[in-house]
Amino acid sequence: MNRKPIKYLSRVVYGFKDKLNVVLLGELKAGVDVKDGMFLQVALRNGVIVGTWEILEVLHTDFINQYENPNFKGLLVKCKNIADFDLLKSLRVYDEVVTIVDKAHE
C-alpha cells in the first residue's frame, strides 16, 4: 500500500516490564485507519528510524485524562528488549509524534 503514514501523539504511556509490552494512549494527528498488525516507528528529526515495533492490538478509547476526543486511540506494542521498552516509555515525556505504517522497514 502506498498510503501516507499515520501520525500519532502519545499522551499516556505505561508498560508491563515482565512481558515487554507497552500501552500508549494518544491521539491520531494525521490519518484515521489504524489496525492490529501495523507498525509503530520512532524516527529522529533527520528521518533516521531508531525503532519499529508491531502493534499487537488497537484499543479504542473516548477520553484520556478527562479530555474527550474522537481521535484518541490506544496501542498495545510488543518490545524486542528492555532498551526498546525504556525508549517507548519515554515517548510521553518528550511529546513525540511517532509514525504508524503498514510494513516494518528493514
PDB file of N, CA and C in Angstrom:
ATOM      1  N   MET A   1       0.846  -1.194   0.000  1.00  0.00           N
ATOM      2  CA  MET A   1       0.000   0.000   0.000  1.00  0.00           C
ATOM      3  C   MET A   1       0.881   1.243   0.000  1.00  0.00           C
ATOM      4  N   ASN A   2       0.412   2.254  -0.671  1.00  0.00           N
ATOM      5  CA  ASN A   2       1.171   3.492  -0.762  1.00  0.00           C
ATOM      6  C   ASN A   2       0.433   4.636  -0.080  1.00  0.00           C
ATOM      7  N   ARG A   3      -0.087   4.379   1.086  1.00  0.00           N
ATOM      8  CA  ARG A   3      -0.803   5.418   1.819  1.00  0.00           C
ATOM      9  C   ARG A   3       0.183   6.281   2.575  1.00  0.00           C
ATOM     10  N   LYS A   4      -0.267   7.485   2.910  1.00  0.00           N
ATOM     11  CA  LYS A   4       0.562   8.344   3.754  1.00  0.00           C
ATOM     12  C   LYS A   4       0.651   7.740   5.144  1.00  0.00           C
ATOM     13  N   PRO A   5       1.797   7.879   5.802  1.00  0.00           N
ATOM     14  CA  PRO A   5       1.931   7.356   7.171  1.00  0.00           C
ATOM     15  C   PRO A   5       0.964   8.064   8.121  1.00  0.00           C
ATOM     16  N   ILE A   6       0.575   7.357   9.142  1.00  0.00           N
ATOM     17  CA  ILE A   6      -0.320   7.889  10.165  1.00  0.00           C
ATOM     18  C   ILE A   6       0.541   8.501  11.263  1.00  0.00           C
ATOM     19  N   LYS A   7       0.218   9.701  11.699  1.00  0.00           N
ATOM     20  CA  LYS A   7       0.958  10.374  12.769  1.00  0.00           C
ATOM     21  C   LYS A   7       0.191  10.231  14.074  1.00  0.00           C
ATOM     22  N   TYR A   8       0.925   9.936  15.154  1.00  0.00           N
ATOM     23  CA  TYR A   8       0.313   9.616  16.443  1.00  0.00           C
ATOM     24  C   TYR A   8       1.092  10.303  17.559  1.00  0.00           C
ATOM     25  N   LEU A   9       0.381  11.027  18.410  1.00  0.00           N
ATOM     26  CA  LEU A   9       0.980  11.710  19.562  1.00  0.00           C
ATOM     27  C   LEU A   9       0.599  10.956  20.829  1.00  0.00           C
ATOM     28  N   SER A  10       1.599  10.394  21.512  1.00  0.00           N
ATOM     29  CA  SER A  10       1.305   9.650  22.739  1.00  0.00           C
ATOM     30  C   SER A  10       1.139  10.623  23.896  1.00  0.00           C
ATOM     31  N   ARG A  11       0.103  10.402  24.689  1.00  0.00           N
ATOM     32  CA  ARG A  11      -0.202  11.258  25.838  1.00  0.00           C
ATOM     33  C   ARG A  11       0.054  10.541  27.160  1.00  0.00           C
ATOM     34  N   VAL A  12      -0.250   9.245  27.207  1.00  0.00           N
ATOM     35  CA  VAL A  12      -0.061   8.433  28.405  1.00  0.00           C
ATOM     36  C   VAL A  12       0.639   7.150  27.958  1.00  0.00           C
ATOM     37  N   VAL A  13       1.676   6.758  28.696  1.00  0.00           N
ATOM     38  CA  VAL A  13       2.409   5.537  28.357  1.00  0.00           C
ATOM     39  C   VAL A  13       2.622   4.740  29.634  1.00  0.00           C
ATOM     40  N   TYR A  14       2.312   3.477  29.585  1.00  0.00           N
ATOM     41  CA  TYR A  14       2.637   2.601  30.708  1.00  0.00           C
ATOM     42  C   TYR A  14       3.026   1.241  30.169  1.00  0.00           C
ATOM     43  N   GLY A  15       3.775   0.495  30.975  1.00  0.00           N
ATOM     44  CA  GLY A  15       4.301  -0.748  30.461  1.00  0.00           C
ATOM     45  C   GLY A  15       4.215  -1.895  31.436  1.00  0.00           C
ATOM     46  N   PHE A  16       4.379  -3.071  30.888  1.00  0.00           N
ATOM     47  CA  PHE A  16       4.423  -4.316  31.633  1.00  0.00           C
ATOM     48  C   PHE A  16       5.789  -4.933  31.355  1.00  0.00           C
ATOM     49  N   LYS A  17       6.757  -4.621  32.237  1.00  0.00           N
ATOM     50  CA  LYS A  17       8.151  -4.980  32.023  1.00  0.00           C
ATOM     51  C   LYS A  17       8.353  -6.483  31.853  1.00  0.00           C
ATOM     52  N   ASP A  18       7.646  -7.290  32.649  1.00  0.00           N
ATOM     53  CA  ASP A  18       7.840  -8.747  32.576  1.00  0.00           C
ATOM     54  C   ASP A  18       7.433  -9.327  31.220  1.00  0.00           C
ATOM     55  N   LYS A  19       6.494  -8.666  30.510  1.00  0.00           N
ATOM     56  CA  LYS A  19       6.059  -9.134  29.186  1.00  0.00           C
ATOM     57  C   LYS A  19       6.646  -8.297  28.053  1.00  0.00           C
ATOM     58  N   LEU A  20       7.374  -7.231  28.408  1.00  0.00           N
ATOM     59  CA  LEU A  20       7.935  -6.277  27.441  1.00  0.00           C
ATOM     60  C   LEU A  20       6.842  -5.667  26.564  1.00  0.00           C
ATOM     61  N   ASN A  21       5.672  -5.430  27.139  1.00  0.00           N
ATOM     62  CA  ASN A  21       4.568  -4.777  26.440  1.00  0.00           C
ATOM     63  C   ASN A  21       4.437  -3.339  26.926  1.00  0.00           C
ATOM     64  N   VAL A  22       4.120  -2.447  25.999  1.00  0.00           N
ATOM     65  CA  VAL A  22       3.883  -1.045  26.321  1.00  0.00           C
ATOM     66  C   VAL A  22       2.518  -0.666  25.761  1.00  0.00           C
ATOM     67  N   VAL A  23       1.748   0.056  26.557  1.00  0.00           N
ATOM     68  CA  VAL A  23       0.471   0.597  26.115  1.00  0.00           C
ATOM     69  C   VAL A  23       0.634   2.099  25.965  1.00  0.00           C
ATOM     70  N   LEU A  24       0.327   2.590  24.781  1.00  0.00           N
ATOM     71  CA  LEU A  24       0.356   4.028  24.511  1.00  0.00           C
ATOM     72  C   LEU A  24      -1.077   4.491  24.325  1.00  0.00           C
ATOM     73  N   LEU A  25      -1.450   5.529  25.022  1.00  0.00           N
ATOM     74  CA  LEU A  25      -2.748   6.164  24.838  1.00  0.00           C
ATOM     75  C   LEU A  25      -2.476   7.530  24.252  1.00  0.00           C
ATOM     76  N   GLY A  26      -3.101   7.825  23.136  1.00  0.00           N
ATOM     77  CA  GLY A  26      -2.802   9.095  22.493  1.00  0.00           C
ATOM     78  C   GLY A  26      -3.805   9.460  21.428  1.00  0.00           C
ATOM     79  N   GLU A  27      -3.357  10.345  20.569  1.00  0.00           N
ATOM     80  CA  GLU A  27      -4.244  10.974  19.601  1.00  0.00           C
ATOM     81  C   GLU A  27      -3.672  10.836  18.198  1.00  0.00           C
ATOM     82  N   LEU A  28      -4.530  10.447  17.269  1.00  0.00           N
ATOM     83  CA  LEU A  28      -4.142  10.426  15.869  1.00  0.00           C
ATOM     84  C   LEU A  28      -4.079  11.865  15.377  1.00  0.00           C
ATOM     85  N   LYS A  29      -2.937  12.268  14.864  1.00  0.00           N
ATOM     86  CA  LYS A  29      -2.761  13.639  14.376  1.00  0.00           C
ATOM     87  C   LYS A  29      -2.973  13.715  12.870  1.00  0.00           C
ATOM     88  N   ALA A  30      -2.724  12.617  12.169  1.00  0.00           N
ATOM     89  CA  ALA A  30      -2.957  12.540  10.725  1.00  0.00           C
ATOM     90  C   ALA A  30      -3.265  11.089  10.394  1.00  0.00           C
ATOM     91  N   GLY A  31      -4.284  10.867   9.606  1.00  0.00           N
ATOM     92  CA  GLY A  31      -4.696   9.508   9.279  1.00  0.00           C
ATOM     93  C   GLY A  31      -5.771   9.035  10.239  1.00  0.00           C
ATOM     94  N   VAL A  32      -6.488   7.984   9.856  1.00  0.00           N
ATOM     95  CA  VAL A  32      -7.590   7.521  10.692  1.00  0.00           C
ATOM     96  C   VAL A  32      -7.654   6.010  10.836  1.00  0.00           C
ATOM     97  N   ASP A  33      -7.018   5.271   9.966  1.00  0.00           N
ATOM     98  CA  ASP A  33      -7.214   3.831   9.900  1.00  0.00           C
ATOM     99  C   ASP A  33      -6.024   3.077  10.503  1.00  0.00           C
ATOM    100  N   VAL A  34      -6.074   2.800  11.803  1.00  0.00           N
ATOM    101  CA  VAL A  34      -5.030   2.045  12.485  1.00  0.00           C
ATOM    102  C   VAL A  34      -5.582   0.658  12.789  1.00  0.00           C
ATOM    103  N   LYS A  35      -4.787  -0.376  12.452  1.00  0.00           N
ATOM    104  CA  LYS A  35      -5.247  -1.754  12.643  1.00  0.00           C
ATOM    105  C   LYS A  35      -4.190  -2.566  13.370  1.00  0.00           C
ATOM    106  N   ASP A  36      -4.641  -3.637  14.017  1.00  0.00           N
ATOM    107  CA  ASP A  36      -3.722  -4.604  14.610  1.00  0.00           C
ATOM    108  C   ASP A  36      -2.770  -5.086  13.517  1.00  0.00           C
ATOM    109  N   GLY A  37      -1.511  -5.294  13.870  1.00  0.00           N
ATOM    110  CA  GLY A  37      -0.530  -5.795  12.912  1.00  0.00           C
ATOM    111  C   GLY A  37       0.221  -4.713  12.164  1.00  0.00           C
ATOM    112  N   MET A  38      -0.194  -3.455  12.305  1.00  0.00           N
ATOM    113  CA  MET A  38       0.574  -2.365  11.718  1.00  0.00           C
ATOM    114  C   MET A  38       1.808  -2.143  12.589  1.00  0.00           C
ATOM    115  N   PHE A  39       2.648  -1.187  12.234  1.00  0.00           N
ATOM    116  CA  PHE A  39       3.899  -0.974  12.944  1.00  0.00           C
ATOM    117  C   PHE A  39       4.048   0.475  13.394  1.00  0.00           C
ATOM    118  N   LEU A  40       4.542   0.632  14.613  1.00  0.00           N
ATOM    119  CA  LEU A  40       4.854   1.927  15.192  1.00  0.00           C
ATOM    120  C   LEU A  40       6.325   2.204  14.923  1.00  0.00           C
ATOM    121  N   GLN A  41       6.644   3.387  14.394  1.00  0.00           N
ATOM    122  CA  GLN A  41       8.037   3.752  14.119  1.00  0.00           C
ATOM    123  C   GLN A  41       8.406   5.007  14.880  1.00  0.00           C
ATOM    124  N   VAL A  42       9.610   5.002  15.425  1.00  0.00           N
ATOM    125  CA  VAL A  42      10.159   6.187  16.056  1.00  0.00           C
ATOM    126  C   VAL A  42      11.352   6.620  15.214  1.00  0.00           C
ATOM    127  N   ALA A  43      11.350   7.875  14.809  1.00  0.00           N
ATOM    128  CA  ALA A  43      12.428   8.400  13.971  1.00  0.00           C
ATOM    129  C   ALA A  43      12.984   9.686  14.566  1.00  0.00           C
ATOM    130  N   LEU A  44      14.261   9.918  14.310  1.00  0.00           N
ATOM    131  CA  LEU A  44      14.885  11.178  14.694  1.00  0.00           C
ATOM    132  C   LEU A  44      14.412  12.275  13.748  1.00  0.00           C
ATOM    133  N   ARG A  45      14.656  13.512  14.099  1.00  0.00           N
ATOM    134  CA  ARG A  45      14.213  14.638  13.262  1.00  0.00           C
ATOM    135  C   ARG A  45      14.826  14.593  11.859  1.00  0.00           C
ATOM    136  N   ASN A  46      15.998  13.982  11.717  1.00  0.00           N
ATOM    137  CA  ASN A  46      16.630  13.901  10.400  1.00  0.00           C
ATOM    138  C   ASN A  46      16.090  12.739   9.566  1.00  0.00           C
ATOM    139  N   GLY A  47      15.123  11.986  10.117  1.00  0.00           N
ATOM    140  CA  GLY A  47      14.477  10.923   9.368  1.00  0.00           C
ATOM    141  C   GLY A  47      15.016   9.529   9.634  1.00  0.00           C
ATOM    142  N   VAL A  48      16.103   9.408  10.388  1.00  0.00           N
ATOM    143  CA  VAL A  48      16.657   8.093  10.701  1.00  0.00           C
ATOM    144  C   VAL A  48      15.712   7.364  11.648  1.00  0.00           C
ATOM    145  N   ILE A  49      15.310   6.153  11.262  1.00  0.00           N
ATOM    146  CA  ILE A  49      14.390   5.355  12.072  1.00  0.00           C
ATOM    147  C   ILE A  49      15.188   4.648  13.165  1.00  0.00           C
ATOM    148  N   VAL A  50      14.810   4.884  14.427  1.00  0.00           N
ATOM    149  CA  VAL A  50      15.526   4.274  15.552  1.00  0.00           C
ATOM    150  C   VAL A  50      14.841   3.005  16.049  1.00  0.00           C
ATOM    151  N   GLY A  51      13.631   2.748  15.599  1.00  0.00           N
ATOM    152  CA  GLY A  51      12.953   1.531  16.018  1.00  0.00           C
ATOM    153  C   GLY A  51      11.608   1.365  15.362  1.00  0.00           C
ATOM    154  N   THR A  52      11.224   0.101  15.184  1.00  0.00           N
ATOM    155  CA  THR A  52       9.932  -0.262  14.619  1.00  0.00           C
ATOM    156  C   THR A  52       9.381  -1.415  15.438  1.00  0.00           C
ATOM    157  N   TRP A  53       8.127  -1.283  15.891  1.00  0.00           N
ATOM    158  CA  TRP A  53       7.508  -2.299  16.735  1.00  0.00           C
ATOM    159  C   TRP A  53       6.113  -2.613  16.224  1.00  0.00           C
ATOM    160  N   GLU A  54       5.748  -3.890  16.312  1.00  0.00           N
ATOM    161  CA  GLU A  54       4.429  -4.307  15.858  1.00  0.00           C
ATOM    162  C   GLU A  54       3.359  -3.903  16.870  1.00  0.00           C
ATOM    163  N   ILE A  55       2.246  -3.416  16.347  1.00  0.00           N
ATOM    164  CA  ILE A  55       1.081  -3.096  17.167  1.00  0.00           C
ATOM    165  C   ILE A  55       0.275  -4.385  17.319  1.00  0.00           C
ATOM    166  N   LEU A  56       0.229  -4.907  18.537  1.00  0.00           N
ATOM    167  CA  LEU A  56      -0.499  -6.151  18.794  1.00  0.00           C
ATOM    168  C   LEU A  56      -2.002  -5.933  18.794  1.00  0.00           C
ATOM    169  N   GLU A  57      -2.412  -4.770  19.327  1.00  0.00           N
ATOM    170  CA  GLU A  57      -3.846  -4.510  19.445  1.00  0.00           C
ATOM    171  C   GLU A  57      -4.105  -3.013  19.489  1.00  0.00           C
ATOM    172  N   VAL A  58      -5.135  -2.587  18.762  1.00  0.00           N
ATOM    173  CA  VAL A  58      -5.596  -1.198  18.814  1.00  0.00           C
ATOM    174  C   VAL A  58      -6.713  -1.143  19.848  1.00  0.00           C
ATOM    175  N   LEU A  59      -6.566  -0.261  20.813  1.00  0.00           N
ATOM    176  CA  LEU A  59      -7.533  -0.108  21.897  1.00  0.00           C
ATOM    177  C   LEU A  59      -8.348   1.162  21.637  1.00  0.00           C
ATOM    178  N   HIS A  60      -9.632   1.057  21.665  1.00  0.00           N
ATOM    179  CA  HIS A  60     -10.486   2.216  21.384  1.00  0.00           C
ATOM    180  C   HIS A  60     -10.846   2.905  22.696  1.00  0.00           C
ATOM    181  N   THR A  61     -10.687   4.217  22.720  1.00  0.00           N
ATOM    182  CA  THR A  61     -10.976   4.997  23.918  1.00  0.00           C
ATOM    183  C   THR A  61     -11.584   6.335  23.514  1.00  0.00           C
ATOM    184  N   ASP A  62     -12.426   6.865  24.357  1.00  0.00           N
ATOM    185  CA  ASP A  62     -13.076   8.142  24.071  1.00  0.00           C
ATOM    186  C   ASP A  62     -12.419   9.309  24.796  1.00  0.00           C
ATOM    187  N   PHE A  63     -11.779   9.007  25.940  1.00  0.00           N
ATOM    188  CA  PHE A  63     -11.187  10.103  26.694  1.00  0.00           C
ATOM    189  C   PHE A  63      -9.893   9.653  27.366  1.00  0.00           C
ATOM    190  N   ILE A  64      -9.017  10.631  27.571  1.00  0.00           N
ATOM    191  CA  ILE A  64      -7.746  10.423  28.268  1.00  0.00           C
ATOM    192  C   ILE A  64      -7.576  11.604  29.212  1.00  0.00           C
ATOM    193  N   ASN A  65      -7.291  11.300  30.473  1.00  0.00           N
ATOM    194  CA  ASN A  65      -7.082  12.353  31.476  1.00  0.00           C
ATOM    195  C   ASN A  65      -8.201  13.391  31.464  1.00  0.00           C
ATOM    196  N   GLN A  66      -9.424  12.936  31.404  1.00  0.00           N
ATOM    197  CA  GLN A  66     -10.622  13.756  31.467  1.00  0.00           C
ATOM    198  C   GLN A  66     -10.859  14.621  30.240  1.00  0.00           C
ATOM    199  N   TYR A  67     -10.116  14.389  29.154  1.00  0.00           N
ATOM    200  CA  TYR A  67     -10.351  15.099  27.897  1.00  0.00           C
ATOM    201  C   TYR A  67     -10.935  14.122  26.895  1.00  0.00           C
ATOM    202  N   GLU A  68     -11.945  14.574  26.167  1.00  0.00           N
ATOM    203  CA  GLU A  68     -12.614  13.711  25.201  1.00  0.00           C
ATOM    204  C   GLU A  68     -12.216  14.120  23.785  1.00  0.00           C
ATOM    205  N   ASN A  69     -11.991  13.113  22.937  1.00  0.00           N
ATOM    206  CA  ASN A  69     -11.586  13.387  21.563  1.00  0.00           C
ATOM    207  C   ASN A  69     -11.871  12.139  20.726  1.00  0.00           C
ATOM    208  N   PRO A  70     -12.518  12.278  19.589  1.00  0.00           N
ATOM    209  CA  PRO A  70     -12.804  11.100  18.758  1.00  0.00           C
ATOM    210  C   PRO A  70     -11.542  10.490  18.136  1.00  0.00           C
ATOM    211  N   ASN A  71     -10.434  11.205  18.157  1.00  0.00           N
ATOM    212  CA  ASN A  71      -9.184  10.710  17.573  1.00  0.00           C
ATOM    213  C   ASN A  71      -8.307   9.958  18.564  1.00  0.00           C
ATOM    214  N   PHE A  72      -8.748   9.770  19.804  1.00  0.00           N
ATOM    215  CA  PHE A  72      -7.956   9.033  20.784  1.00  0.00           C
ATOM    216  C   PHE A  72      -7.952   7.548  20.440  1.00  0.00           C
ATOM    217  N   LYS A  73      -6.775   6.946  20.514  1.00  0.00           N
ATOM    218  CA  LYS A  73      -6.602   5.503  20.314  1.00  0.00           C
ATOM    219  C   LYS A  73      -5.554   5.020  21.301  1.00  0.00           C
ATOM    220  N   GLY A  74      -5.688   3.784  21.697  1.00  0.00           N
ATOM    221  CA  GLY A  74      -4.665   3.126  22.492  1.00  0.00           C
ATOM    222  C   GLY A  74      -3.963   2.103  21.629  1.00  0.00           C
ATOM    223  N   LEU A  75      -2.672   1.909  21.866  1.00  0.00           N
ATOM    224  CA  LEU A  75      -1.897   0.938  21.104  1.00  0.00           C
ATOM    225  C   LEU A  75      -1.156   0.023  22.065  1.00  0.00           C
ATOM    226  N   LEU A  76      -1.311  -1.268  21.914  1.00  0.00           N
ATOM    227  CA  LEU A  76      -0.543  -2.242  22.675  1.00  0.00           C
ATOM    228  C   LEU A  76       0.596  -2.701  21.771  1.00  0.00           C
ATOM    229  N   VAL A  77       1.839  -2.450  22.221  1.00  0.00           N
ATOM    230  CA  VAL A  77       3.025  -2.700  21.405  1.00  0.00           C
ATOM    231  C   VAL A  77       3.928  -3.693  22.114  1.00  0.00           C
ATOM    232  N   LYS A  78       4.499  -4.620  21.367  1.00  0.00           N
ATOM    233  CA  LYS A  78       5.436  -5.602  21.903  1.00  0.00           C
ATOM    234  C   LYS A  78       6.864  -5.121  21.644  1.00  0.00           C
ATOM    235  N   CYS A  79       7.647  -5.006  22.725  1.00  0.00           N
ATOM    236  CA  CYS A  79       9.045  -4.581  22.610  1.00  0.00           C
ATOM    237  C   CYS A  79       9.947  -5.790  22.375  1.00  0.00           C
ATOM    238  N   LYS A  80      11.086  -5.534  21.758  1.00  0.00           N
ATOM    239  CA  LYS A  80      12.040  -6.609  21.481  1.00  0.00           C
ATOM    240  C   LYS A  80      12.965  -6.871  22.658  1.00  0.00           C
ATOM    241  N   ASN A  81      13.229  -5.825  23.450  1.00  0.00           N
ATOM    242  CA  ASN A  81      14.141  -5.949  24.594  1.00  0.00           C
ATOM    243  C   ASN A  81      13.882  -4.800  25.571  1.00  0.00           C
ATOM    244  N   ILE A  82      14.625  -4.778  26.669  1.00  0.00           N
ATOM    245  CA  ILE A  82      14.416  -3.765  27.716  1.00  0.00           C
ATOM    246  C   ILE A  82      14.762  -2.356  27.228  1.00  0.00           C
ATOM    247  N   ALA A  83      15.723  -2.224  26.322  1.00  0.00           N
ATOM    248  CA  ALA A  83      16.071  -0.901  25.779  1.00  0.00           C
ATOM    249  C   ALA A  83      14.902  -0.328  24.973  1.00  0.00           C
ATOM    250  N   ASP A  84      14.258  -1.169  24.183  1.00  0.00           N
ATOM    251  CA  ASP A  84      13.061  -0.738  23.447  1.00  0.00           C
ATOM    252  C   ASP A  84      11.954  -0.326  24.410  1.00  0.00           C
ATOM    253  N   PHE A  85      11.777  -1.125  25.439  1.00  0.00           N
ATOM    254  CA  PHE A  85      10.763  -0.859  26.457  1.00  0.00           C
ATOM    255  C   PHE A  85      10.980   0.534  27.064  1.00  0.00           C
ATOM    256  N   ASP A  86      12.219   0.832  27.444  1.00  0.00           N
ATOM    257  CA  ASP A  86      12.531   2.131  28.046  1.00  0.00           C
ATOM    258  C   ASP A  86      12.353   3.271  27.044  1.00  0.00           C
ATOM    259  N   LEU A  87      12.732   3.047  25.790  1.00  0.00           N
ATOM    260  CA  LEU A  87      12.573   4.073  24.754  1.00  0.00           C
ATOM    261  C   LEU A  87      11.098   4.412  24.562  1.00  0.00           C
ATOM    262  N   LEU A  88      10.266   3.403  24.416  1.00  0.00           N
ATOM    263  CA  LEU A  88       8.844   3.658  24.195  1.00  0.00           C
ATOM    264  C   LEU A  88       8.191   4.309  25.404  1.00  0.00           C
ATOM    265  N   LYS A  89       8.600   3.920  26.608  1.00  0.00           N
ATOM    266  CA  LYS A  89       8.032   4.555  27.805  1.00  0.00           C
ATOM    267  C   LYS A  89       8.392   6.038  27.876  1.00  0.00           C
ATOM    268  N   SER A  90       9.520   6.426  27.289  1.00  0.00           N
ATOM    269  CA  SER A  90       9.951   7.827  27.349  1.00  0.00           C
ATOM    270  C   SER A  90       9.221   8.722  26.353  1.00  0.00           C
ATOM    271  N   LEU A  91       8.432   8.162  25.457  1.00  0.00           N
ATOM    272  CA  LEU A  91       7.788   8.971  24.417  1.00  0.00           C
ATOM    273  C   LEU A  91       6.927  10.087  24.976  1.00  0.00           C
ATOM    274  N   ARG A  92       6.155   9.820  25.999  1.00  0.00           N
ATOM    275  CA  ARG A  92       5.244  10.853  26.511  1.00  0.00           C
ATOM    276  C   ARG A  92       5.991  11.998  27.162  1.00  0.00           C
ATOM    277  N   VAL A  93       7.201  11.739  27.644  1.00  0.00           N
ATOM    278  CA  VAL A  93       7.991  12.775  28.301  1.00  0.00           C
ATOM    279  C   VAL A  93       8.343  13.882  27.315  1.00  0.00           C
ATOM    280  N   TYR A  94       8.596  13.503  26.084  1.00  0.00           N
ATOM    281  CA  TYR A  94       9.060  14.463  25.084  1.00  0.00           C
ATOM    282  C   TYR A  94       7.989  14.875  24.086  1.00  0.00           C
ATOM    283  N   ASP A  95       6.738  14.460  24.308  1.00  0.00           N
ATOM    284  CA  ASP A  95       5.640  14.775  23.387  1.00  0.00           C
ATOM    285  C   ASP A  95       6.010  14.447  21.944  1.00  0.00           C
ATOM    286  N   GLU A  96       6.553  13.265  21.734  1.00  0.00           N
ATOM    287  CA  GLU A  96       6.960  12.850  20.407  1.00  0.00           C
ATOM    288  C   GLU A  96       5.768  12.426  19.569  1.00  0.00           C
ATOM    289  N   VAL A  97       5.791  12.820  18.315  1.00  0.00           N
ATOM    290  CA  VAL A  97       4.831  12.328  17.347  1.00  0.00           C
ATOM    291  C   VAL A  97       5.527  11.195  16.613  1.00  0.00           C
ATOM    292  N   VAL A  98       4.935  10.014  16.657  1.00  0.00           N
ATOM    293  CA  VAL A  98       5.511   8.851  16.007  1.00  0.00           C
ATOM    294  C   VAL A  98       4.680   8.513  14.772  1.00  0.00           C
ATOM    295  N   THR A  99       5.184   7.591  13.976  1.00  0.00           N
ATOM    296  CA  THR A  99       4.546   7.222  12.723  1.00  0.00           C
ATOM    297  C   THR A  99       4.027   5.798  12.806  1.00  0.00           C
ATOM    298  N   ILE A 100       2.879   5.554  12.213  1.00  0.00           N
ATOM    299  CA  ILE A 100       2.322   4.213  12.117  1.00  0.00           C
ATOM    300  C   ILE A 100       2.279   3.863  10.627  1.00  0.00           C
ATOM    301  N   VAL A 101       2.874   2.715  10.291  1.00  0.00           N
ATOM    302  CA  VAL A 101       2.970   2.296   8.896  1.00  0.00           C
ATOM    303  C   VAL A 101       2.429   0.878   8.737  1.00  0.00           C
ATOM    304  N   ASP A 102       2.149   0.499   7.482  1.00  0.00           N
ATOM    305  CA  ASP A 102       1.632  -0.840   7.185  1.00  0.00           C
ATOM    306  C   ASP A 102       2.694  -1.920   7.362  1.00  0.00           C
ATOM    307  N   LYS A 103       3.932  -1.625   6.949  1.00  0.00           N
ATOM    308  CA  LYS A 103       5.003  -2.630   6.977  1.00  0.00           C
ATOM    309  C   LYS A 103       6.209  -2.068   7.705  1.00  0.00           C
ATOM    310  N   ALA A 104       6.956  -2.968   8.352  1.00  0.00           N
ATOM    311  CA  ALA A 104       8.200  -2.572   9.003  1.00  0.00           C
ATOM    312  C   ALA A 104       9.257  -2.348   7.935  1.00  0.00           C
ATOM    313  N   HIS A 105      10.061  -1.293   8.077  1.00  0.00           N
ATOM    314  CA  HIS A 105      11.184  -1.072   7.158  1.00  0.00           C
ATOM    315  C   HIS A 105      12.338  -1.937   7.606  1.00  0.00           C
ATOM    316  N   GLU A 106      12.912  -2.616   6.696  1.00  0.00           N
ATOM    317  CA  GLU A 106      14.051  -3.485   7.012  1.00  0.00           C
ATOM    318  C   GLU A 106      15.328  -2.688   7.064  1.00  0.00           C
TER     319      GLU A 106
END
